[in-house]
């Protein structure tokens, strides 16, 4: 499930409520409540979407040992560990707090990565929990949702509805243009924040493990896997509020993409590698 269709569904749902209720304050309240539920139960929603199964040290000793070591290094609570049985390589972490969260990896990821690469990927997902990415990526799209609702206001408000709207079309057109501009800016803002969080997660993973090159190798493998695995096997490797570690195209469009360009990420990791080596 990608981010853009979800935002469109939120806006469409809000518009439908506005038509039914005829007033935008209760619509905003309902929309905010739904986003709150999405945030509060994000770990369960994400786990259900990925069809993941929680595991312990008996089922996944390799993963459990890496996760335990990373959490001890980061001095943070250990989230629940889950595995999704799919060939698509990916990982995600979701939850309202690090102590109420789940970290899920796919069997495709564990099969393709070495221990060092897997550790780097898990470290970046833990950084998402530490920096409350679920909260950030749940609340920031509310601006875009609000703008989408405001587009419908001219057709349901007293000043512009009915006779008022017909006698003052220029003002209504200006209002719609302003609202559409706000929606476009919010759209770009959400994606800019998402890209920034991706780069921050890369940086924190490299610092926590001390091996930026391991994450670089993992990202390169994930990118290559994205070009060889059939698209019919892609069973929503990302969740609405916390995009997973997934292949990022070398040629994606920076302004509208949720993930940074792979070349940018690899260059940043190479710079960080040099900085750590020089410090040593």
Protein backbone atom coordinates (compact mmCIF):
# COMPACT_ATOMS: atom_id res chain seq x y z
CA UNK A 1 0.00 0.00 0.00
CA UNK A 2 1.57 3.25 -1.06
CA UNK A 3 1.21 6.59 0.64
CA UNK A 4 -0.40 8.61 -2.16
CA UNK A 5 -3.50 6.43 -2.72
CA UNK A 6 -4.08 6.34 1.03
CA UNK A 7 -4.09 10.15 1.24
CA UNK A 8 -6.49 10.31 -1.68
CA UNK A 9 -8.79 7.84 0.06
CA UNK A 10 -8.68 9.95 3.22
CA UNK A 11 -9.61 13.07 1.26
CA UNK A 12 -12.34 11.24 -0.67
CA UNK A 13 -13.76 9.81 2.55
CA UNK A 14 -13.78 13.28 4.10
CA UNK A 15 -15.50 14.74 1.04
CA UNK A 16 -18.17 12.04 1.23
CA UNK A 17 -18.75 12.81 4.90
CA UNK A 18 -19.02 16.50 4.07
CA UNK A 19 -21.73 15.73 1.52
CA UNK A 20 -23.63 13.60 4.04
CA UNK A 21 -23.24 15.83 7.10
CA UNK A 22 -23.26 19.20 5.32
CA UNK A 23 -20.85 20.74 7.86
CA UNK A 24 -17.08 20.52 7.95
CA UNK A 25 -16.35 20.76 11.75
CA UNK A 26 -17.75 17.27 12.51
CA UNK A 27 -16.01 15.95 9.40
CA UNK A 28 -12.67 17.25 10.67
CA UNK A 29 -13.36 15.70 14.07
CA UNK A 30 -14.16 12.31 12.52
CA UNK A 31 -11.10 12.44 10.26
CA UNK A 32 -8.85 13.38 13.17
CA UNK A 33 -10.31 10.53 15.22
CA UNK A 34 -9.63 8.03 12.43
CA UNK A 35 -6.04 9.23 12.13
CA UNK A 36 -5.75 8.90 15.91
CA UNK A 37 -6.93 5.29 15.74
CA UNK A 38 -4.47 4.63 12.91
CA UNK A 39 -1.66 6.03 15.06
CA UNK A 40 -2.64 4.29 18.31
CA UNK A 41 -3.03 0.86 16.72
CA UNK A 42 -0.35 1.32 14.05
CA UNK A 43 1.61 -1.74 15.16
CA UNK A 44 -1.42 -4.05 14.88
CA UNK A 45 -2.55 -2.51 11.60
CA UNK A 46 0.91 -2.86 10.07
CA UNK A 47 1.30 -6.44 11.27
CA UNK A 48 -2.08 -7.37 9.84
CA UNK A 49 -1.35 -5.67 6.52
CA UNK A 50 1.88 -7.63 6.12
CA UNK A 51 0.42 -10.91 7.39
CA UNK A 52 3.33 -11.06 9.80
CA UNK A 53 3.65 -13.51 12.66
CA UNK A 54 5.32 -12.63 15.94
CA UNK A 55 8.34 -14.81 16.71
CA UNK A 56 10.70 -15.38 19.62
CA UNK A 57 14.29 -16.57 20.05
CA UNK A 58 13.27 -20.18 19.42
CA UNK A 59 11.79 -19.49 15.98
CA UNK A 60 14.27 -16.85 14.80
CA UNK A 61 17.47 -17.00 16.89
CA UNK A 62 19.47 -15.04 14.30
CA UNK A 63 17.05 -12.11 14.09
CA UNK A 64 16.33 -12.12 17.81
CA UNK A 65 20.02 -11.97 18.69
CA UNK A 66 20.64 -9.04 16.32
CA UNK A 67 17.61 -7.15 17.62
CA UNK A 68 18.58 -7.74 21.26
CA UNK A 69 22.11 -6.50 20.65
CA UNK A 70 20.96 -3.39 18.79
CA UNK A 71 18.41 -2.44 21.45
CA UNK A 72 21.07 -2.81 24.14
CA UNK A 73 23.44 -0.57 22.17
CA UNK A 74 20.73 2.02 21.58
CA UNK A 75 19.44 1.76 25.18
CA UNK A 76 15.84 1.43 24.04
CA UNK A 77 13.00 -1.03 24.71
CA UNK A 78 12.91 -4.06 22.46
CA UNK A 79 9.89 -4.07 20.13
CA UNK A 80 8.01 -7.22 19.26
CA UNK A 81 9.69 -9.16 16.46
CA UNK A 82 7.67 -10.52 13.54
CA UNK A 83 8.35 -12.26 10.24
CA UNK A 84 6.27 -12.08 7.07
CA UNK A 85 6.55 -15.06 4.77
CA UNK A 86 7.13 -13.42 1.39
CA UNK A 87 9.98 -13.38 -1.11
CA UNK A 88 9.81 -9.59 -1.30
CA UNK A 89 12.77 -8.24 0.71
CA UNK A 90 11.67 -5.57 3.17
CA UNK A 91 11.45 -4.45 6.76
CA UNK A 92 9.31 -2.02 8.70
CA UNK A 93 8.78 -0.81 12.24
CA UNK A 94 5.50 0.63 13.50
CA UNK A 95 4.14 1.65 16.86
CA UNK A 96 3.14 4.65 18.94
CA UNK A 97 6.17 4.21 21.22
CA UNK A 98 9.26 1.96 21.15
CA UNK A 99 7.72 -0.13 23.94
CA UNK A 100 4.44 -0.52 22.02
CA UNK A 101 5.82 -1.40 18.61
CA UNK A 102 6.55 -4.21 16.22
CA UNK A 103 9.52 -4.71 13.92
CA UNK A 104 8.76 -7.00 11.04
CA UNK A 105 11.09 -8.39 8.40
CA UNK A 106 10.26 -10.54 5.43
CA UNK A 107 11.74 -13.95 4.81
CA UNK A 108 13.04 -12.57 1.51
CA UNK A 109 15.14 -10.05 3.40
CA UNK A 110 16.70 -12.57 5.78
CA UNK A 111 17.51 -14.89 2.90
CA UNK A 112 19.30 -12.24 0.83
CA UNK A 113 21.29 -10.24 3.39
CA UNK A 114 24.36 -11.10 5.42
CA UNK A 115 24.32 -10.66 9.19
CA UNK A 116 26.03 -7.25 8.97
CA UNK A 117 23.62 -6.04 6.29
CA UNK A 118 20.62 -7.33 8.21
CA UNK A 119 21.87 -5.59 11.35
CA UNK A 120 22.13 -2.30 9.44
CA UNK A 121 18.57 -2.60 8.15
CA UNK A 122 17.15 -3.43 11.58
CA UNK A 123 19.11 -0.53 13.07
CA UNK A 124 17.50 1.97 10.70
CA UNK A 125 14.04 0.64 11.50
CA UNK A 126 14.76 0.97 15.22
CA UNK A 127 15.73 4.59 14.61
CA UNK A 128 12.25 5.15 13.21
CA UNK A 129 10.78 4.03 16.50
CA UNK A 130 13.21 6.11 18.54
CA UNK A 131 12.30 9.23 16.56
CA UNK A 132 8.54 8.52 16.61
CA UNK A 133 8.22 8.35 12.84
CA UNK A 134 4.76 6.82 13.19
CA UNK A 135 3.50 9.98 14.89
CA UNK A 136 5.20 12.29 12.40
CA UNK A 137 4.03 10.44 9.30
CA UNK A 138 0.49 10.12 10.66
CA UNK A 139 -0.01 13.76 11.63
CA UNK A 140 1.72 15.60 8.77
CA UNK A 141 -0.67 14.34 6.05
CA UNK A 142 -3.56 15.84 8.02
CA UNK A 143 -2.71 19.17 6.35
CA UNK A 144 -3.28 17.62 2.93
CA UNK A 145 -6.48 15.95 4.14
CA UNK A 146 -7.69 19.28 5.53
CA UNK A 147 -6.98 20.99 2.22
CA UNK A 148 -8.89 18.26 0.41
CA UNK A 149 -11.88 18.85 2.65
CA UNK A 150 -11.70 22.62 2.15
CA UNK A 151 -12.07 22.09 -1.58
CA UNK A 152 -15.63 20.94 -0.87
CA UNK A 153 -16.47 23.82 1.48
CA UNK A 154 -17.49 26.29 -1.27
CA UNK A 155 -20.22 23.90 -2.35
CA UNK A 156 -21.64 23.43 1.15
CA UNK A 157 -21.09 26.73 2.96
CA UNK A 158 -23.70 29.46 3.29
CA UNK A 159 -21.72 32.34 1.71
CA UNK A 160 -20.89 30.37 -1.42
CA UNK A 161 -23.56 27.71 -1.56
CA UNK A 162 -26.69 28.00 -3.66
CA UNK A 163 -27.48 31.53 -4.84
CA UNK A 164 -24.32 33.05 -3.30
CA UNK A 165 -22.09 30.69 -5.24
CA UNK A 166 -23.87 31.40 -8.51
CA UNK A 167 -23.73 35.20 -8.11
CA UNK A 168 -20.06 35.30 -7.11
CA UNK A 169 -18.26 32.68 -9.20
CA UNK A 170 -15.00 34.68 -9.39
CA UNK A 171 -14.55 34.64 -5.62
CA UNK A 172 -15.36 30.94 -5.48
CA UNK A 173 -12.85 30.21 -8.23
CA UNK A 174 -10.16 32.15 -6.37
CA UNK A 175 -10.92 30.25 -3.18
CA UNK A 176 -10.67 26.91 -4.95
CA UNK A 177 -7.36 27.96 -6.53
CA UNK A 178 -5.99 28.87 -3.10
CA UNK A 179 -7.15 25.59 -1.58
CA UNK A 180 -5.68 23.58 -4.46
CA UNK A 181 -2.39 25.42 -4.01
CA UNK A 182 -2.39 24.59 -0.30
CA UNK A 183 -3.12 20.95 -1.10
CA UNK A 184 -0.25 20.83 -3.61
CA UNK A 185 2.16 22.39 -1.12
CA UNK A 186 1.01 19.98 1.59
CA UNK A 187 1.46 17.09 -0.85
CA UNK A 188 5.07 18.14 -1.50
CA UNK A 189 5.70 18.84 2.19
CA UNK A 190 4.63 15.35 3.23
CA UNK A 191 6.97 13.80 0.69
CA UNK A 192 9.84 16.07 1.67
CA UNK A 193 9.40 15.05 5.32
CA UNK A 194 9.30 11.38 4.30
CA UNK A 195 12.56 11.71 2.35
CA UNK A 196 14.19 13.52 5.26
CA UNK A 197 13.16 10.76 7.67
CA UNK A 198 14.61 8.15 5.32
CA UNK A 199 17.98 9.92 5.23
CA UNK A 200 17.90 10.40 9.01
CA UNK A 201 17.24 6.68 9.48
CA UNK A 202 20.18 5.85 7.19
CA UNK A 203 22.45 8.14 9.21
CA UNK A 204 21.36 6.77 12.58
CA UNK A 205 21.77 3.18 11.42
CA UNK A 206 25.32 3.90 10.29
CA UNK A 207 26.17 5.56 13.61
CA UNK A 208 24.60 2.79 15.70
CA UNK A 209 26.33 -0.06 13.88
CA UNK A 210 29.50 1.87 12.99
CA UNK A 211 29.36 0.31 9.52
CA UNK A 212 27.78 2.61 6.91
CA UNK A 213 29.06 0.32 4.16
CA UNK A 214 26.87 -2.53 5.42
CA UNK A 215 23.74 -0.45 4.97
CA UNK A 216 24.97 0.70 1.55
CA UNK A 217 25.41 -2.90 0.45
CA UNK A 218 21.96 -3.79 1.79
CA UNK A 219 20.30 -0.88 -0.05
CA UNK A 220 22.05 -1.86 -3.28
CA UNK A 221 20.80 -5.43 -2.91
CA UNK A 222 17.27 -4.25 -2.21
CA UNK A 223 17.35 -2.01 -5.26
CA UNK A 224 18.57 -4.88 -7.43
CA UNK A 225 15.91 -7.19 -5.99
CA UNK A 226 13.24 -4.69 -6.92
CA UNK A 227 14.11 -5.14 -10.59
CA UNK A 228 14.10 -8.95 -10.57
CA UNK A 229 11.16 -9.97 -8.35
CA UNK A 230 7.83 -10.20 -10.21
CA UNK A 231 5.48 -7.36 -9.36
CA UNK A 232 2.64 -9.80 -8.76
CA UNK A 233 4.45 -10.89 -5.59
CA UNK A 234 4.48 -7.40 -4.09
CA UNK A 235 2.04 -7.76 -1.22
CA UNK A 236 2.16 -4.26 0.26
CA UNK A 237 5.74 -4.14 1.59
CA UNK A 238 5.01 -0.71 3.07
CA UNK A 239 2.42 0.51 5.54
CA UNK A 240 0.56 3.81 5.34
CA UNK A 241 2.30 5.51 8.23
CA UNK A 242 5.75 4.00 8.17
CA UNK A 243 7.26 3.27 4.76
CA UNK A 244 9.42 0.16 4.90
CA UNK A 245 12.99 -0.35 3.84
CA UNK A 246 12.32 -1.05 0.17
CA UNK A 247 14.16 -0.66 -3.11
CA UNK A 248 14.55 3.00 -4.11
CA UNK A 249 14.96 3.70 -7.80
CA UNK A 250 18.08 5.45 -8.99
CA UNK A 251 15.90 7.57 -11.26
CA UNK A 252 12.94 8.53 -9.07
CA UNK A 253 11.63 12.08 -9.12
CA UNK A 254 12.89 13.79 -5.98
CA UNK A 255 10.03 16.25 -5.46
CA UNK A 256 7.17 13.75 -5.57
CA UNK A 257 8.86 10.61 -4.26
CA UNK A 258 8.65 9.38 -0.67
CA UNK A 259 12.16 7.89 -0.79
CA UNK A 260 15.42 9.66 -1.69
CA UNK A 261 17.30 8.72 -4.80
CA UNK A 262 19.45 5.64 -4.20
CA UNK A 263 22.54 7.39 -5.50
CA UNK A 264 22.02 10.20 -2.97
CA UNK A 265 21.72 7.70 -0.13
CA UNK A 266 24.83 5.79 -1.17
CA UNK A 267 26.83 9.01 -1.55
CA UNK A 268 25.82 10.14 1.94
CA UNK A 269 26.80 6.77 3.39
CA UNK A 270 30.16 6.91 1.59
CA UNK A 271 30.80 10.37 3.05
CA UNK A 272 29.90 9.08 6.50
CA UNK A 273 32.22 6.11 6.05
CA UNK A 274 35.13 8.45 5.27
CA UNK A 275 34.28 10.63 8.26
CA UNK A 276 34.25 7.65 10.64
CA UNK A 277 37.51 6.32 9.23
CA UNK A 278 39.21 9.69 9.58
CA UNK A 279 37.96 10.02 13.15
CA UNK A 280 39.43 6.62 13.99
